[in-house]
Amino acid sequence: MELAGHHILITGGSSGIGLALARALSQAGSKVIICGRREDRLKAAQAAIPSLDIRVCDIAQPAQREDLFSWVSENYPQLDVLVNNAGIQRSIDLSTGTEDLFSGPDEFATNLLAPIHLCGLFIPFFLKQETSYLINISSDLGITPAAEYPIYCAGKSALHTYSQCLRHQLRHTGIHVVEILPPAVVSGLNPEGRAKNPPRHMMAPDDYAAFVLRGLEAGYPEILTPRLQELKQRPWGELDSIFGKMNPPDWPNPL
């Protein structure tokens, strides 16, 4: 993938990985549009990166996803890259039954249903382009889950499977499907959970964005860290043993 000359929509682009990618892709010579729920954060991002265009949108809401597509397709007919980046993560104690499960926002709505719906909306639009890209940002926790974040991990695992199926179905078209599987990256994702049980290693967003851009330039269908690349080569049973190491009986996530 050439990094310059694209028109790119990034969901959840006002902070973390999304903002770092917006900055890096803008600097590489592409036009970037970001959306998010909070107008103040979007305006702050635009102040830091004046070339950005912004749009307030809560992608957890189906009607707002449809409004976003209508607005983008009307105002940016050259758009050829969608980056499904927006996500939320919650620490959930499943032993409480439904009490903890339903005490916060719906992770599936944002992390899984929204990207699937947005891909569906944009596919007919992208088929009119000579070349285009659907980029889904899942997580390494979709491959090696952390029990503290059960719904987040399940959603990211499902997004990984969906991306594989989508890539296969679109293989004879001009639409390229790319999946990005980040490790822990410094961001506003689940601040309460991370404060209580901080990951051992977290990448800086700009460093991770630079890593992603190298993978995009190389044309990788999946952009994995070296650790995850090595883990995916192991037998399935070994991944089960890794789950046991990641999730010891005393609960905290050692990552």
Foldseek 3Di string as FASTA:
>chain_A
DQLADAEEEEEPLLKFLNVLLCVVSVVSHYQYEYEEQDPVSVVVSCVVVVSYHYDYADLLDVVRLVVVLVVCCVPPLRHFEYELDDFAFDFADCVVPCPRVPPDDDRCSRLAVSLVVNCVSCVVSNLVPQAHEYEYEAALCCQQNANRGVNSNVRSVVVVVVLVVVQVVCVPTRYQYAYEHYYAADIPHHPVLCVVFNEPDHHYSNVVSVQVVVVVVVPDRYRDDPVSVVVVVDDPVVSVVVNCVQQPPVGGGHD
